[in-house]
């Protein structure tokens, strides 16, 4: 699931494809050729803006995106699973998004095989694979597979969009209300089958599907007051289960960072969400998430330590103004 996002304004890419198929920096003095076979992985709890950041990265670096959300891989239920729209994709290729039959079980092994093949294909075409999604179990299986196949071929840069849980829970609750307004209930109703009560397979596992089972089962014989009560309960349960999911996802990322030792760059977007609905929200997103992410990815690809040192100054809170000056000079 994703944060509601405005389409990023077109920007000059930080990279361009050279005639030999490699990637070169566009700025004078930054023409280092990147190491091959590099991948950016964007992590975060549901609703934190992972899809938005993936598109921000794609407007700055020639990239293709690999979906790692285990529900968004399925065809259908675009509102329930909160898939990025065709318009929001801006022509950027997305892999493993809405391609699997909704009744099939798409396992972690299936994901590892498909995501690895997609990343190889993207790299061969001189572009940066960006893996993004909330299913951390898929990501962990891919990165820490027993044979180390993925790690032996790809270097990974991990970006974590983090938001304070109380703030995120409020946002998630509002987002479910917006999903209902967009037609989520009708979307679930079209796939409801009273003969099926198993919600353990395929797309039927999505939060927002089993929660409405009682509502739809009672629809033909209940009075209006009862139906309204069951609808309200289903919406409330959807919100609660989404918040629980967000907590589990965040805990998993912390475990990957602290127990497994993954080098994960945390980007605190809490202030962005506090300002949601205000004009300052977009600027906060640029300052707190997009700017630092761009610098991290730039250093990852090109080992450009000058920009990196300014980024770390910003993280320590000692040089925010200086970082802004350096970033503005680098991107304009």
Protein backbone atom coordinates (compact mmCIF):
# COMPACT_ATOMS: atom_id res chain seq x y z
CA UNK A 1 0.00 0.00 0.00
CA UNK A 2 1.13 3.53 -0.66
CA UNK A 3 0.88 7.10 0.37
CA UNK A 4 -1.41 9.25 -1.78
CA UNK A 5 0.99 11.09 -4.00
CA UNK A 6 1.09 14.00 -6.35
CA UNK A 7 2.89 13.24 -9.60
CA UNK A 8 6.48 14.49 -9.29
CA UNK A 9 7.36 17.41 -11.51
CA UNK A 10 9.70 16.35 -14.34
CA UNK A 11 13.31 17.01 -13.40
CA UNK A 12 16.60 16.65 -15.16
CA UNK A 13 17.94 13.18 -14.46
CA UNK A 14 21.15 13.05 -12.49
CA UNK A 15 22.32 10.36 -14.89
CA UNK A 16 22.24 9.70 -18.61
CA UNK A 17 22.89 6.65 -20.71
CA UNK A 18 26.14 6.86 -22.61
CA UNK A 19 26.62 5.26 -26.06
CA UNK A 20 28.20 2.15 -24.55
CA UNK A 21 25.14 1.47 -22.39
CA UNK A 22 26.65 2.55 -19.06
CA UNK A 23 25.52 5.34 -16.78
CA UNK A 24 27.37 8.66 -16.54
CA UNK A 25 26.86 11.59 -14.24
CA UNK A 26 25.59 14.77 -15.82
CA UNK A 27 27.52 17.28 -13.74
CA UNK A 28 31.04 18.51 -14.43
CA UNK A 29 33.51 16.78 -12.16
CA UNK A 30 31.10 13.92 -11.36
CA UNK A 31 31.77 11.64 -14.32
CA UNK A 32 32.70 8.52 -12.39
CA UNK A 33 31.43 5.33 -13.94
CA UNK A 34 29.29 3.38 -11.43
CA UNK A 35 29.92 -0.13 -10.29
CA UNK A 36 27.78 -2.59 -12.28
CA UNK A 37 24.94 -4.63 -10.81
CA UNK A 38 23.68 -2.23 -8.17
CA UNK A 39 20.18 -2.21 -6.73
CA UNK A 40 18.24 0.27 -4.59
CA UNK A 41 15.77 -1.25 -2.11
CA UNK A 42 13.10 0.99 -0.58
CA UNK A 43 11.62 -0.22 2.72
CA UNK A 44 8.93 1.15 4.98
CA UNK A 45 5.65 0.38 6.70
CA UNK A 46 2.42 0.59 4.74
CA UNK A 47 1.42 4.15 3.91
CA UNK A 48 4.80 5.80 4.44
CA UNK A 49 5.31 6.86 0.81
CA UNK A 50 7.54 4.12 -0.61
CA UNK A 51 5.94 4.25 -4.06
CA UNK A 52 6.22 8.03 -4.09
CA UNK A 53 9.92 7.85 -3.26
CA UNK A 54 10.49 5.19 -5.93
CA UNK A 55 9.09 7.58 -8.52
CA UNK A 56 11.17 10.45 -7.15
CA UNK A 57 14.26 8.26 -7.56
CA UNK A 58 13.16 7.29 -11.07
CA UNK A 59 12.88 10.97 -12.09
CA UNK A 60 16.51 11.51 -11.06
CA UNK A 61 18.16 8.26 -12.14
CA UNK A 62 17.19 6.13 -15.17
CA UNK A 63 15.45 3.33 -13.32
CA UNK A 64 12.89 0.58 -13.54
CA UNK A 65 10.87 -0.48 -10.53
CA UNK A 66 10.37 -3.99 -9.17
CA UNK A 67 7.34 -4.39 -6.90
CA UNK A 68 7.91 -6.39 -3.71
CA UNK A 69 4.44 -6.03 -2.19
CA UNK A 70 2.99 -9.54 -1.96
CA UNK A 71 -0.59 -8.36 -2.58
CA UNK A 72 0.16 -5.88 -5.36
CA UNK A 73 1.68 -8.65 -7.48
CA UNK A 74 -1.85 -9.91 -8.15
CA UNK A 75 -4.24 -8.73 -10.83
CA UNK A 76 -7.27 -6.86 -9.56
CA UNK A 77 -8.33 -5.07 -6.36
CA UNK A 78 -6.33 -1.99 -7.33
CA UNK A 79 -8.04 0.17 -4.68
CA UNK A 80 -7.78 -2.39 -1.87
CA UNK A 81 -4.09 -3.06 -2.55
CA UNK A 82 -3.48 0.63 -3.32
CA UNK A 83 -1.52 0.05 -6.51
CA UNK A 84 0.26 2.98 -8.11
CA UNK A 85 -1.81 4.16 -11.08
CA UNK A 86 -0.75 4.25 -14.72
CA UNK A 87 -0.69 8.05 -14.57
CA UNK A 88 1.49 8.07 -11.48
CA UNK A 89 3.98 5.67 -13.14
CA UNK A 90 4.77 8.32 -15.80
CA UNK A 91 5.91 5.66 -18.23
CA UNK A 92 8.47 4.18 -15.82
CA UNK A 93 8.41 0.37 -16.27
CA UNK A 94 7.10 -1.53 -13.23
CA UNK A 95 7.78 -5.23 -12.85
CA UNK A 96 5.74 -7.76 -10.80
CA UNK A 97 2.84 -5.34 -10.43
CA UNK A 98 -0.64 -6.73 -11.10
CA UNK A 99 0.57 -9.70 -13.13
CA UNK A 100 -0.27 -12.83 -11.08
CA UNK A 101 -3.59 -14.68 -11.23
CA UNK A 102 -5.51 -13.67 -8.07
CA UNK A 103 -6.28 -17.27 -7.05
CA UNK A 104 -2.65 -18.42 -7.17
CA UNK A 105 -0.24 -18.44 -4.26
CA UNK A 106 2.79 -16.29 -5.02
CA UNK A 107 5.45 -17.48 -2.59
CA UNK A 108 8.70 -15.94 -1.38
CA UNK A 109 10.56 -18.39 -3.64
CA UNK A 110 8.47 -17.26 -6.61
CA UNK A 111 9.31 -13.66 -5.76
CA UNK A 112 13.03 -14.34 -5.42
CA UNK A 113 13.19 -15.99 -8.84
CA UNK A 114 11.09 -13.32 -10.56
CA UNK A 115 12.72 -10.33 -8.86
CA UNK A 116 16.23 -11.62 -9.58
CA UNK A 117 15.36 -12.13 -13.26
CA UNK A 118 13.86 -8.63 -13.43
CA UNK A 119 16.88 -7.01 -11.75
CA UNK A 120 19.28 -8.77 -14.13
CA UNK A 121 17.26 -7.65 -17.14
CA UNK A 122 17.09 -4.04 -15.93
CA UNK A 123 20.85 -3.93 -15.24
CA UNK A 124 21.67 -5.39 -18.65
CA UNK A 125 19.79 -2.49 -20.22
CA UNK A 126 21.92 0.02 -18.34
CA UNK A 127 19.26 1.05 -15.84
CA UNK A 128 19.01 1.01 -12.07
CA UNK A 129 16.68 -1.59 -10.51
CA UNK A 130 14.63 -0.09 -7.67
CA UNK A 131 12.90 -2.71 -5.53
CA UNK A 132 10.02 -1.28 -3.49
CA UNK A 133 7.23 -2.68 -1.37
CA UNK A 134 6.09 -3.41 2.14
CA UNK A 135 6.56 -7.18 2.19
CA UNK A 136 9.78 -7.39 4.17
CA UNK A 137 9.64 -11.19 4.26
CA UNK A 138 10.00 -11.16 0.47
CA UNK A 139 12.91 -8.72 0.68
CA UNK A 140 14.65 -10.75 3.39
CA UNK A 141 14.26 -13.97 1.39
CA UNK A 142 15.72 -12.26 -1.66
CA UNK A 143 18.69 -10.60 0.02
CA UNK A 144 19.58 -13.35 2.51
CA UNK A 145 18.86 -16.43 0.43
CA UNK A 146 20.77 -19.52 1.56
CA UNK A 147 22.92 -19.62 -1.58
CA UNK A 148 23.70 -15.87 -1.47
CA UNK A 149 22.89 -15.71 -5.18
CA UNK A 150 21.46 -12.21 -5.09
CA UNK A 151 24.11 -10.73 -2.78
CA UNK A 152 26.90 -12.25 -4.84
CA UNK A 153 25.66 -10.48 -7.96
CA UNK A 154 24.16 -7.23 -6.67
CA UNK A 155 25.24 -4.52 -4.26
CA UNK A 156 22.27 -3.15 -2.35
CA UNK A 157 21.45 0.34 -1.10
CA UNK A 158 18.64 0.26 1.48
CA UNK A 159 16.41 3.31 2.01
CA UNK A 160 13.88 3.23 4.85
CA UNK A 161 11.03 5.74 4.89
CA UNK A 162 10.02 5.88 8.55
CA UNK A 163 7.11 7.67 10.21
CA UNK A 164 6.18 7.88 13.89
CA UNK A 165 3.54 5.21 14.55
CA UNK A 166 0.88 7.48 16.12
CA UNK A 167 1.15 9.88 13.17
CA UNK A 168 1.12 7.02 10.65
CA UNK A 169 -1.89 5.36 12.29
CA UNK A 170 -3.86 8.58 11.92
CA UNK A 171 -2.86 8.82 8.26
CA UNK A 172 -3.72 5.16 7.59
CA UNK A 173 -7.17 5.64 9.11
CA UNK A 174 -7.81 8.61 6.84
CA UNK A 175 -6.50 6.67 3.86
CA UNK A 176 -8.95 3.81 4.42
CA UNK A 177 -11.76 6.38 4.44
CA UNK A 178 -10.49 7.72 1.10
CA UNK A 179 -10.32 4.18 -0.29
CA UNK A 180 -13.95 3.65 0.70
CA UNK A 181 -14.88 6.89 -1.05
CA UNK A 182 -13.06 5.68 -4.19
CA UNK A 183 -15.13 2.50 -4.32
CA UNK A 184 -13.27 -0.07 -2.22
CA UNK A 185 -16.47 -1.71 -0.92
CA UNK A 186 -17.86 -2.19 -4.43
CA UNK A 187 -14.51 -3.53 -5.60
CA UNK A 188 -14.47 -6.18 -2.85
CA UNK A 189 -18.15 -6.93 -3.43
CA UNK A 190 -17.51 -7.85 -7.07
CA UNK A 191 -15.15 -10.63 -6.04
CA UNK A 192 -17.18 -11.82 -3.04
CA UNK A 193 -18.38 -15.42 -3.35
CA UNK A 194 -20.66 -16.74 -0.57
CA UNK A 195 -19.48 -20.28 -1.34
CA UNK A 196 -15.89 -19.39 -0.44
CA UNK A 197 -14.88 -18.67 3.15
CA UNK A 198 -11.13 -19.31 2.78
CA UNK A 199 -9.11 -16.09 2.94
CA UNK A 200 -5.70 -17.73 3.20
CA UNK A 201 -4.78 -17.86 -0.49
CA UNK A 202 -3.97 -15.42 -3.25
CA UNK A 203 -5.31 -11.89 -3.32
CA UNK A 204 -8.10 -12.81 -0.88
CA UNK A 205 -5.51 -12.45 1.91
CA UNK A 206 -5.38 -8.68 1.32
CA UNK A 207 -6.40 -6.51 4.25
CA UNK A 208 -9.79 -5.12 3.30
CA UNK A 209 -11.16 -8.39 1.91
CA UNK A 210 -11.85 -10.82 4.81
CA UNK A 211 -12.94 -7.91 7.00
CA UNK A 212 -16.03 -7.42 4.77
CA UNK A 213 -17.13 -11.07 4.72
CA UNK A 214 -19.88 -10.67 7.37
CA UNK A 215 -21.16 -7.51 5.71
CA UNK A 216 -21.61 -9.15 2.32
CA UNK A 217 -23.01 -12.40 3.74
CA UNK A 218 -25.72 -10.50 5.60
CA UNK A 219 -26.53 -8.14 2.77
CA UNK A 220 -29.44 -10.16 1.35
CA UNK A 221 -31.38 -10.69 4.58
CA UNK A 222 -30.40 -7.93 7.05
CA UNK A 223 -32.20 -4.67 7.57
CA UNK A 224 -30.59 -1.37 6.66
CA UNK A 225 -29.54 -0.55 10.22
CA UNK A 226 -27.77 -3.91 10.62
CA UNK A 227 -26.02 -3.58 7.27
CA UNK A 228 -24.81 -0.10 8.17
CA UNK A 229 -23.46 -1.37 11.51
CA UNK A 230 -21.64 -4.28 9.84
CA UNK A 231 -20.19 -1.93 7.23
CA UNK A 232 -18.87 0.40 9.92
CA UNK A 233 -17.38 -2.58 11.78
CA UNK A 234 -15.68 -3.83 8.60
CA UNK A 235 -14.14 -0.43 7.91
CA UNK A 236 -13.01 -0.11 11.53
CA UNK A 237 -11.45 -3.61 11.41
CA UNK A 238 -9.69 -2.78 8.15
CA UNK A 239 -8.15 0.30 9.77
CA UNK A 240 -7.10 -1.67 12.86
CA UNK A 241 -5.52 -4.50 10.88
CA UNK A 242 -3.68 -2.04 8.65
CA UNK A 243 -2.23 -0.31 11.71
CA UNK A 244 -1.18 -3.67 13.15
CA UNK A 245 0.49 -4.50 9.84
CA UNK A 246 2.39 -1.21 9.91
CA UNK A 247 3.72 -2.00 13.39
CA UNK A 248 4.88 -5.47 12.34
CA UNK A 249 6.55 -4.08 9.23
CA UNK A 250 8.44 -1.45 11.20
CA UNK A 251 9.56 -4.00 13.78
CA UNK A 252 10.83 -6.25 10.99
CA UNK A 253 12.89 -3.44 9.46
CA UNK A 254 14.40 -2.62 12.84
CA UNK A 255 15.31 -6.29 13.26
CA UNK A 256 16.97 -6.37 9.83
CA UNK A 257 18.93 -3.28 10.78
CA UNK A 258 19.93 -4.13 14.36
CA UNK A 259 20.03 -7.94 14.47
CA UNK A 260 21.01 -8.83 10.92
CA UNK A 261 23.21 -5.77 10.51
CA UNK A 262 21.78 -4.52 7.22
CA UNK A 263 23.08 -1.04 6.42
CA UNK A 264 19.70 0.68 6.15
CA UNK A 265 19.50 4.46 5.71
CA UNK A 266 16.60 5.79 7.79
CA UNK A 267 14.68 8.77 6.42
CA UNK A 268 12.34 10.27 9.01
CA UNK A 269 9.23 11.51 7.19
CA UNK A 270 7.19 12.18 10.35
CA UNK A 271 7.21 15.94 9.83
CA UNK A 272 5.90 15.44 6.28
CA UNK A 273 2.87 13.61 7.62
CA UNK A 274 2.32 16.16 10.37
CA UNK A 275 2.06 18.81 7.65
CA UNK A 276 -0.18 16.77 5.34
CA UNK A 277 -2.76 18.95 3.67
CA UNK A 278 -0.54 22.01 4.05
CA UNK A 279 1.62 23.68 1.40
CA UNK A 280 4.74 22.96 3.47
CA UNK A 281 4.25 19.18 3.16
CA UNK A 282 5.76 18.96 -0.33
CA UNK A 283 8.81 20.98 0.70
CA UNK A 284 9.27 18.83 3.80
CA UNK A 285 9.15 15.70 1.61
CA UNK A 286 11.82 17.15 -0.67
CA UNK A 287 14.04 18.27 2.23
CA UNK A 288 13.69 15.26 4.52
CA UNK A 289 13.23 12.35 2.12
CA UNK A 290 13.98 13.07 -1.53
CA UNK A 291 17.11 15.21 -1.05
CA UNK A 292 18.88 12.84 1.36
CA UNK A 293 17.80 9.80 -0.70
CA UNK A 294 19.21 11.32 -3.88
CA UNK A 295 22.53 11.97 -2.17
CA UNK A 296 22.67 8.45 -0.73
CA UNK A 297 21.93 6.85 -4.11
CA UNK A 298 24.41 9.16 -5.83
CA UNK A 299 27.16 8.14 -3.43
CA UNK A 300 26.15 4.48 -3.74
CA UNK A 301 26.52 4.61 -7.51
CA UNK A 302 29.49 6.95 -7.74
CA UNK A 303 31.22 7.00 -4.33
CA UNK A 304 31.05 10.80 -4.32
CA UNK A 305 32.23 11.59 -0.81
CA UNK A 306 31.79 15.38 -0.90
CA UNK A 307 28.03 15.13 -1.21
CA UNK A 308 27.99 12.23 1.22
CA UNK A 309 29.77 14.18 3.95
CA UNK A 310 27.24 16.98 3.65
CA UNK A 311 24.41 14.47 3.91
CA UNK A 312 25.82 13.08 7.15
CA UNK A 313 26.18 16.63 8.49
CA UNK A 314 22.47 17.06 7.84
CA UNK A 315 21.62 13.80 9.60
CA UNK A 316 23.55 14.99 12.66
CA UNK A 317 21.57 18.24 12.51
CA UNK A 318 24.70 20.40 12.28
CA UNK A 319 24.59 21.59 8.67
CA UNK A 320 21.08 21.59 7.20
CA UNK A 321 21.58 24.93 5.44
CA UNK A 322 24.95 23.87 4.05
CA UNK A 323 23.46 20.61 2.79
CA UNK A 324 20.69 22.51 1.04
CA UNK A 325 23.23 24.70 -0.74
CA UNK A 326 25.28 21.72 -1.92
CA UNK A 327 22.18 19.79 -3.03
CA UNK A 328 20.77 22.78 -4.92
CA UNK A 329 24.10 23.26 -6.70
CA UNK A 330 24.22 19.59 -7.64
CA UNK A 331 20.70 19.32 -8.99
CA UNK A 332 20.40 22.54 -10.98
